[in-house]
Amino acid sequence: AWLALPLGFTMMLNSLYTNIPRYFIEHYLGERELGIFAAIAYLIVGGSTVANALGQSIRPRLAKYYAVGNGTAFHTLLLKLVGIGILLGTVGVLVALLAGREILILLYRPEYASQASVLIWLMVAAGIGYVGSSLGNGILATRAFSRYIIPHLVAIVGITGFSALLVPAYGLVGAAWALCAVSLLGLIAIIVTLKTIKRQETALS
């Protein structure tokens, strides 16, 4: 329980992270715009579900490779998972670019089509997030659970700052831009965390 306690804190931060832009949207733009944003953002759930399912299925094997010291197999499998994340993100962005307006009209109402650019940027943010989530499985496989808090703390600070800056000025597109910027920032934090773990292991060996 003590070992896994940081994961509970991480899940709390993750839930807060996804809601912070919505607080700013409601405050500056109103409940109507919040409803539109929430409906469009829901379309990224499918890709997130696939990415999370793949990560959970592959994580035990990653942990096994790490435990026995098979660094080559560990990194090869992790890179394959990252590749799938990149593929999912690319497909999502292409679909949003080619048929975003039509999808929004079909699933919701014609007025949602005017927010097709929001869908595109949310798909970009989701694609970056898929890669970050894939690499995050590498941290979890090492059982360095407390280290996984750091990227999430970075994301919380970043999304608060970017939302405060971009939502009042650019509306829903600004909220999507904020998510893109923070997804990239979180990805960098995860990469740095992984490299830090690797350096410490090298020093210990």
C-alpha atoms as a PDB file:
ATOM      1  CA  ALA A   1       0.000   0.000   0.000  1.00  0.00           C
ATOM      2  CA  TRP A   2       2.843   2.389   0.868  1.00  0.00           C
ATOM      3  CA  LEU A   3       4.659   1.610  -2.379  1.00  0.00           C
ATOM      4  CA  ALA A   4       1.567   2.257  -4.491  1.00  0.00           C
ATOM      5  CA  LEU A   5       0.367   5.311  -2.552  1.00  0.00           C
ATOM      6  CA  PRO A   6       1.919   7.790  -5.052  1.00  0.00           C
ATOM      7  CA  LEU A   7      -0.232   6.259  -7.799  1.00  0.00           C
ATOM      8  CA  GLY A   8      -3.370   7.373  -5.968  1.00  0.00           C
ATOM      9  CA  PHE A   9      -2.001  10.892  -5.766  1.00  0.00           C
ATOM     10  CA  THR A  10      -1.099  10.725  -9.457  1.00  0.00           C
ATOM     11  CA  MET A  11      -4.651   9.725 -10.408  1.00  0.00           C
ATOM     12  CA  MET A  12      -5.990  12.649  -8.391  1.00  0.00           C
ATOM     13  CA  LEU A  13      -3.673  15.035 -10.241  1.00  0.00           C
ATOM     14  CA  ASN A  14      -4.682  13.503 -13.577  1.00  0.00           C
ATOM     15  CA  SER A  15      -8.367  14.077 -12.837  1.00  0.00           C
ATOM     16  CA  LEU A  16      -7.655  17.661 -11.798  1.00  0.00           C
ATOM     17  CA  TYR A  17      -5.559  18.231 -14.926  1.00  0.00           C
ATOM     18  CA  THR A  18      -8.400  17.337 -17.284  1.00  0.00           C
ATOM     19  CA  ASN A  19     -10.826  19.653 -15.481  1.00  0.00           C
ATOM     20  CA  ILE A  20      -8.740  22.797 -15.009  1.00  0.00           C
ATOM     21  CA  PRO A  21      -9.297  24.136 -18.568  1.00  0.00           C
ATOM     22  CA  ARG A  22     -13.033  23.617 -18.078  1.00  0.00           C
ATOM     23  CA  TYR A  23     -13.030  25.743 -14.936  1.00  0.00           C
ATOM     24  CA  PHE A  24     -11.520  28.599 -16.909  1.00  0.00           C
ATOM     25  CA  ILE A  25     -13.938  28.095 -19.802  1.00  0.00           C
ATOM     26  CA  GLU A  26     -16.935  28.237 -17.490  1.00  0.00           C
ATOM     27  CA  HIS A  27     -15.570  31.301 -15.709  1.00  0.00           C
ATOM     28  CA  TYR A  28     -14.653  33.343 -18.790  1.00  0.00           C
ATOM     29  CA  LEU A  29     -16.958  31.983 -21.514  1.00  0.00           C
ATOM     30  CA  GLY A  30     -19.979  30.540 -19.729  1.00  0.00           C
ATOM     31  CA  GLU A  31     -21.726  27.202 -19.419  1.00  0.00           C
ATOM     32  CA  ARG A  32     -22.796  27.023 -23.068  1.00  0.00           C
ATOM     33  CA  GLU A  33     -19.203  27.138 -24.309  1.00  0.00           C
ATOM     34  CA  LEU A  34     -18.204  24.681 -21.601  1.00  0.00           C
ATOM     35  CA  GLY A  35     -20.829  22.238 -22.855  1.00  0.00           C
ATOM     36  CA  ILE A  36     -19.572  22.546 -26.420  1.00  0.00           C
ATOM     37  CA  PHE A  37     -15.957  22.022 -25.362  1.00  0.00           C
ATOM     38  CA  ALA A  38     -16.810  19.037 -23.167  1.00  0.00           C
ATOM     39  CA  ALA A  39     -18.779  17.391 -25.980  1.00  0.00           C
ATOM     40  CA  ILE A  40     -15.950  17.838 -28.481  1.00  0.00           C
ATOM     41  CA  ALA A  41     -13.309  16.719 -25.970  1.00  0.00           C
ATOM     42  CA  TYR A  42     -15.258  13.519 -25.391  1.00  0.00           C
ATOM     43  CA  LEU A  43     -14.309  12.382 -28.902  1.00  0.00           C
ATOM     44  CA  ILE A  44     -10.719  11.701 -27.782  1.00  0.00           C
ATOM     45  CA  VAL A  45     -11.896   9.097 -25.259  1.00  0.00           C
ATOM     46  CA  GLY A  46     -11.785   6.295 -27.833  1.00  0.00           C
ATOM     47  CA  GLY A  47      -8.091   6.744 -28.555  1.00  0.00           C
ATOM     48  CA  SER A  48      -7.284   7.155 -24.869  1.00  0.00           C
ATOM     49  CA  THR A  49      -9.094   3.916 -24.075  1.00  0.00           C
ATOM     50  CA  VAL A  50      -7.065   2.026 -26.682  1.00  0.00           C
ATOM     51  CA  ALA A  51      -3.774   3.572 -25.536  1.00  0.00           C
ATOM     52  CA  ASN A  52      -4.463   2.818 -21.871  1.00  0.00           C
ATOM     53  CA  ALA A  53      -5.550  -0.752 -22.606  1.00  0.00           C
ATOM     54  CA  LEU A  54      -2.378  -1.423 -24.592  1.00  0.00           C
ATOM     55  CA  GLY A  55      -0.251   0.087 -21.863  1.00  0.00           C
ATOM     56  CA  GLN A  56      -1.867  -2.021 -19.145  1.00  0.00           C
ATOM     57  CA  SER A  57      -1.452  -5.216 -21.178  1.00  0.00           C
ATOM     58  CA  ILE A  58       2.209  -4.552 -21.978  1.00  0.00           C
ATOM     59  CA  ARG A  59       3.261  -3.142 -18.596  1.00  0.00           C
ATOM     60  CA  PRO A  60       3.758  -6.556 -16.872  1.00  0.00           C
ATOM     61  CA  ARG A  61       6.153  -7.616 -19.622  1.00  0.00           C
ATOM     62  CA  LEU A  62       8.016  -4.322 -19.335  1.00  0.00           C
ATOM     63  CA  ALA A  63       8.308  -4.859 -15.584  1.00  0.00           C
ATOM     64  CA  LYS A  64       9.630  -8.379 -16.151  1.00  0.00           C
ATOM     65  CA  TYR A  65      12.290  -7.192 -18.589  1.00  0.00           C
ATOM     66  CA  TYR A  66      13.305  -4.445 -16.168  1.00  0.00           C
ATOM     67  CA  ALA A  67      13.464  -6.834 -13.187  1.00  0.00           C
ATOM     68  CA  VAL A  68      15.787  -9.272 -14.984  1.00  0.00           C
ATOM     69  CA  GLY A  69      17.948  -6.463 -16.359  1.00  0.00           C
ATOM     70  CA  ASN A  70      17.074  -7.019 -20.032  1.00  0.00           C
ATOM     71  CA  GLY A  71      17.443  -3.402 -21.081  1.00  0.00           C
ATOM     72  CA  THR A  72      17.357  -4.132 -24.810  1.00  0.00           C
ATOM     73  CA  ALA A  73      14.007  -5.926 -24.656  1.00  0.00           C
ATOM     74  CA  PHE A  74      12.647  -3.265 -22.298  1.00  0.00           C
ATOM     75  CA  HIS A  75      13.485  -0.369 -24.609  1.00  0.00           C
ATOM     76  CA  THR A  76      12.414  -2.236 -27.750  1.00  0.00           C
ATOM     77  CA  LEU A  77       8.978  -2.983 -26.327  1.00  0.00           C
ATOM     78  CA  LEU A  78       8.636   0.556 -24.966  1.00  0.00           C
ATOM     79  CA  LEU A  79       9.487   2.016 -28.377  1.00  0.00           C
ATOM     80  CA  LYS A  80       6.876  -0.224 -30.021  1.00  0.00           C
ATOM     81  CA  LEU A  81       4.297   1.111 -27.579  1.00  0.00           C
ATOM     82  CA  VAL A  82       5.385   4.671 -28.382  1.00  0.00           C
ATOM     83  CA  GLY A  83       5.049   3.886 -32.082  1.00  0.00           C
ATOM     84  CA  ILE A  84       1.466   2.754 -31.561  1.00  0.00           C
ATOM     85  CA  GLY A  85       0.786   5.968 -29.641  1.00  0.00           C
ATOM     86  CA  ILE A  86       2.182   8.029 -32.521  1.00  0.00           C
ATOM     87  CA  LEU A  87       0.036   6.054 -34.980  1.00  0.00           C
ATOM     88  CA  LEU A  88      -3.123   6.583 -32.930  1.00  0.00           C
ATOM     89  CA  GLY A  89      -2.414  10.286 -32.614  1.00  0.00           C
ATOM     90  CA  THR A  90      -1.676  10.682 -36.329  1.00  0.00           C
ATOM     91  CA  VAL A  91      -4.884   8.915 -37.325  1.00  0.00           C
ATOM     92  CA  GLY A  92      -6.898  11.079 -34.925  1.00  0.00           C
ATOM     93  CA  VAL A  93      -5.450  14.315 -36.321  1.00  0.00           C
ATOM     94  CA  LEU A  94      -5.984  13.213 -39.939  1.00  0.00           C
ATOM     95  CA  VAL A  95      -9.590  12.246 -39.272  1.00  0.00           C
ATOM     96  CA  ALA A  96     -10.192  15.610 -37.572  1.00  0.00           C
ATOM     97  CA  LEU A  97      -8.598  17.460 -40.498  1.00  0.00           C
ATOM     98  CA  LEU A  98     -10.455  15.576 -43.217  1.00  0.00           C
ATOM     99  CA  ALA A  99     -13.844  15.000 -41.633  1.00  0.00           C
ATOM    100  CA  GLY A 100     -13.961  16.971 -38.383  1.00  0.00           C
ATOM    101  CA  ARG A 101     -16.831  19.220 -39.412  1.00  0.00           C
ATOM    102  CA  GLU A 102     -18.912  16.328 -40.706  1.00  0.00           C
ATOM    103  CA  ILE A 103     -18.323  14.271 -37.574  1.00  0.00           C
ATOM    104  CA  LEU A 104     -19.392  17.131 -35.316  1.00  0.00           C
ATOM    105  CA  ILE A 105     -22.548  17.714 -37.378  1.00  0.00           C
ATOM    106  CA  LEU A 106     -23.374  14.011 -37.403  1.00  0.00           C
ATOM    107  CA  LEU A 107     -22.822  13.448 -33.688  1.00  0.00           C
ATOM    108  CA  TYR A 108     -24.068  16.769 -32.345  1.00  0.00           C
ATOM    109  CA  ARG A 109     -25.599  19.773 -34.124  1.00  0.00           C
ATOM    110  CA  PRO A 110     -24.664  21.936 -37.132  1.00  0.00           C
ATOM    111  CA  GLU A 111     -23.459  24.801 -34.878  1.00  0.00           C
ATOM    112  CA  TYR A 112     -20.714  22.517 -33.555  1.00  0.00           C
ATOM    113  CA  ALA A 113     -19.127  22.520 -37.015  1.00  0.00           C
ATOM    114  CA  SER A 114     -17.858  26.050 -36.403  1.00  0.00           C
ATOM    115  CA  GLN A 115     -15.614  24.571 -33.696  1.00  0.00           C
ATOM    116  CA  ALA A 116     -13.899  22.050 -35.968  1.00  0.00           C
ATOM    117  CA  SER A 117     -10.539  23.712 -35.286  1.00  0.00           C
ATOM    118  CA  VAL A 118     -10.997  22.938 -31.593  1.00  0.00           C
ATOM    119  CA  LEU A 119     -11.376  19.257 -32.453  1.00  0.00           C
ATOM    120  CA  ILE A 120      -8.187  19.325 -34.536  1.00  0.00           C
ATOM    121  CA  TRP A 121      -6.112  20.872 -31.748  1.00  0.00           C
ATOM    122  CA  LEU A 122      -7.610  18.534 -29.163  1.00  0.00           C
ATOM    123  CA  MET A 123      -6.560  15.601 -31.350  1.00  0.00           C
ATOM    124  CA  VAL A 124      -3.037  17.039 -31.514  1.00  0.00           C
ATOM    125  CA  ALA A 125      -2.981  17.286 -27.731  1.00  0.00           C
ATOM    126  CA  ALA A 126      -4.346  13.752 -27.458  1.00  0.00           C
ATOM    127  CA  GLY A 127      -1.679  12.423 -29.836  1.00  0.00           C
ATOM    128  CA  ILE A 128       1.095  13.948 -27.756  1.00  0.00           C
ATOM    129  CA  GLY A 129      -0.618  12.559 -24.674  1.00  0.00           C
ATOM    130  CA  TYR A 130      -0.681   9.044 -26.149  1.00  0.00           C
ATOM    131  CA  VAL A 131       3.102   9.172 -26.561  1.00  0.00           C
ATOM    132  CA  GLY A 132       3.536  10.515 -23.041  1.00  0.00           C
ATOM    133  CA  SER A 133       1.264   7.827 -21.635  1.00  0.00           C
ATOM    134  CA  SER A 134       3.247   5.155 -23.496  1.00  0.00           C
ATOM    135  CA  LEU A 135       6.522   6.394 -22.038  1.00  0.00           C
ATOM    136  CA  GLY A 136       4.885   6.709 -18.636  1.00  0.00           C
ATOM    137  CA  ASN A 137       4.428   2.949 -18.657  1.00  0.00           C
ATOM    138  CA  GLY A 138       8.203   2.724 -18.644  1.00  0.00           C
ATOM    139  CA  ILE A 139       8.340   4.661 -15.374  1.00  0.00           C
ATOM    140  CA  LEU A 140       5.609   2.495 -13.842  1.00  0.00           C
ATOM    141  CA  ALA A 141       7.396  -0.681 -14.910  1.00  0.00           C
ATOM    142  CA  THR A 142      10.447   0.373 -12.905  1.00  0.00           C
ATOM    143  CA  ARG A 143       8.237   0.722  -9.791  1.00  0.00           C
ATOM    144  CA  ALA A 144       9.551   4.269  -9.336  1.00  0.00           C
ATOM    145  CA  PHE A 145       5.987   5.354  -8.619  1.00  0.00           C
ATOM    146  CA  SER A 146       6.941   8.490  -6.728  1.00  0.00           C
ATOM    147  CA  ARG A 147       8.813   9.741  -9.818  1.00  0.00           C
ATOM    148  CA  TYR A 148       5.586   9.575 -11.831  1.00  0.00           C
ATOM    149  CA  ILE A 149       4.162  12.389  -9.718  1.00  0.00           C
ATOM    150  CA  ILE A 150       6.681  14.884 -11.119  1.00  0.00           C
ATOM    151  CA  PRO A 151       5.342  15.014 -14.724  1.00  0.00           C
ATOM    152  CA  HIS A 152       1.802  15.338 -13.386  1.00  0.00           C
ATOM    153  CA  LEU A 153       2.771  18.226 -11.109  1.00  0.00           C
ATOM    154  CA  VAL A 154       4.424  19.917 -14.085  1.00  0.00           C
ATOM    155  CA  ALA A 155       1.220  19.400 -16.069  1.00  0.00           C
ATOM    156  CA  ILE A 156      -0.962  20.881 -13.316  1.00  0.00           C
ATOM    157  CA  VAL A 157       1.153  24.034 -13.052  1.00  0.00           C
ATOM    158  CA  GLY A 158       1.392  24.324 -16.824  1.00  0.00           C
ATOM    159  CA  ILE A 159      -2.293  23.835 -17.603  1.00  0.00           C
ATOM    160  CA  THR A 160      -3.273  26.396 -14.968  1.00  0.00           C
ATOM    161  CA  GLY A 161      -0.905  29.005 -16.389  1.00  0.00           C
ATOM    162  CA  PHE A 162      -1.671  28.366 -20.043  1.00  0.00           C
ATOM    163  CA  SER A 163      -5.440  28.233 -19.447  1.00  0.00           C
ATOM    164  CA  ALA A 164      -5.358  31.537 -17.567  1.00  0.00           C
ATOM    165  CA  LEU A 165      -3.401  33.079 -20.438  1.00  0.00           C
ATOM    166  CA  LEU A 166      -5.090  31.560 -23.499  1.00  0.00           C
ATOM    167  CA  VAL A 167      -8.756  30.931 -22.638  1.00  0.00           C
ATOM    168  CA  PRO A 168      -9.716  34.594 -22.033  1.00  0.00           C
ATOM    169  CA  ALA A 169      -7.881  35.679 -25.202  1.00  0.00           C
ATOM    170  CA  TYR A 170      -8.720  32.874 -27.646  1.00  0.00           C
ATOM    171  CA  GLY A 171     -11.733  31.055 -26.237  1.00  0.00           C
ATOM    172  CA  LEU A 172     -12.181  27.350 -26.865  1.00  0.00           C
ATOM    173  CA  VAL A 173      -9.289  27.212 -29.309  1.00  0.00           C
ATOM    174  CA  GLY A 174      -7.129  28.738 -26.589  1.00  0.00           C
ATOM    175  CA  ALA A 175      -8.143  25.946 -24.220  1.00  0.00           C
ATOM    176  CA  ALA A 176      -7.157  23.385 -26.858  1.00  0.00           C
ATOM    177  CA  TRP A 177      -3.835  25.189 -27.396  1.00  0.00           C
ATOM    178  CA  ALA A 178      -3.231  25.096 -23.659  1.00  0.00           C
ATOM    179  CA  LEU A 179      -3.732  21.331 -23.659  1.00  0.00           C
ATOM    180  CA  CYS A 180      -1.314  20.956 -26.580  1.00  0.00           C
ATOM    181  CA  ALA A 181       1.362  23.008 -24.842  1.00  0.00           C
ATOM    182  CA  VAL A 182       0.997  21.150 -21.562  1.00  0.00           C
ATOM    183  CA  SER A 183       0.900  17.742 -23.256  1.00  0.00           C
ATOM    184  CA  LEU A 184       4.259  18.597 -24.834  1.00  0.00           C
ATOM    185  CA  LEU A 185       5.576  19.896 -21.528  1.00  0.00           C
ATOM    186  CA  GLY A 186       4.430  16.721 -19.758  1.00  0.00           C
ATOM    187  CA  LEU A 187       6.049  14.561 -22.442  1.00  0.00           C
ATOM    188  CA  ILE A 188       9.366  16.335 -21.904  1.00  0.00           C
ATOM    189  CA  ALA A 189       9.042  15.846 -18.135  1.00  0.00           C
ATOM    190  CA  ILE A 190       8.413  12.110 -18.608  1.00  0.00           C
ATOM    191  CA  ILE A 191      11.443  11.746 -20.894  1.00  0.00           C
ATOM    192  CA  VAL A 192      13.650  13.585 -18.383  1.00  0.00           C
ATOM    193  CA  THR A 193      12.315  11.387 -15.555  1.00  0.00           C
ATOM    194  CA  LEU A 194      13.079   8.208 -17.507  1.00  0.00           C
ATOM    195  CA  LYS A 195      16.588   9.411 -18.277  1.00  0.00           C
ATOM    196  CA  THR A 196      17.131  10.269 -14.603  1.00  0.00           C
ATOM    197  CA  ILE A 197      16.096   6.763 -13.552  1.00  0.00           C
ATOM    198  CA  LYS A 198      18.413   5.254 -16.136  1.00  0.00           C
ATOM    199  CA  ARG A 199      21.376   7.367 -15.023  1.00  0.00           C
ATOM    200  CA  GLN A 200      20.870   6.422 -11.383  1.00  0.00           C
ATOM    201  CA  GLU A 201      20.718   2.739 -12.268  1.00  0.00           C
ATOM    202  CA  THR A 202      23.912   3.039 -14.282  1.00  0.00           C
ATOM    203  CA  ALA A 203      25.639   4.715 -11.346  1.00  0.00           C
ATOM    204  CA  LEU A 204      24.466   2.016  -8.946  1.00  0.00           C
ATOM    205  CA  SER A 205      25.611  -0.779 -11.240  1.00  0.00           C
END
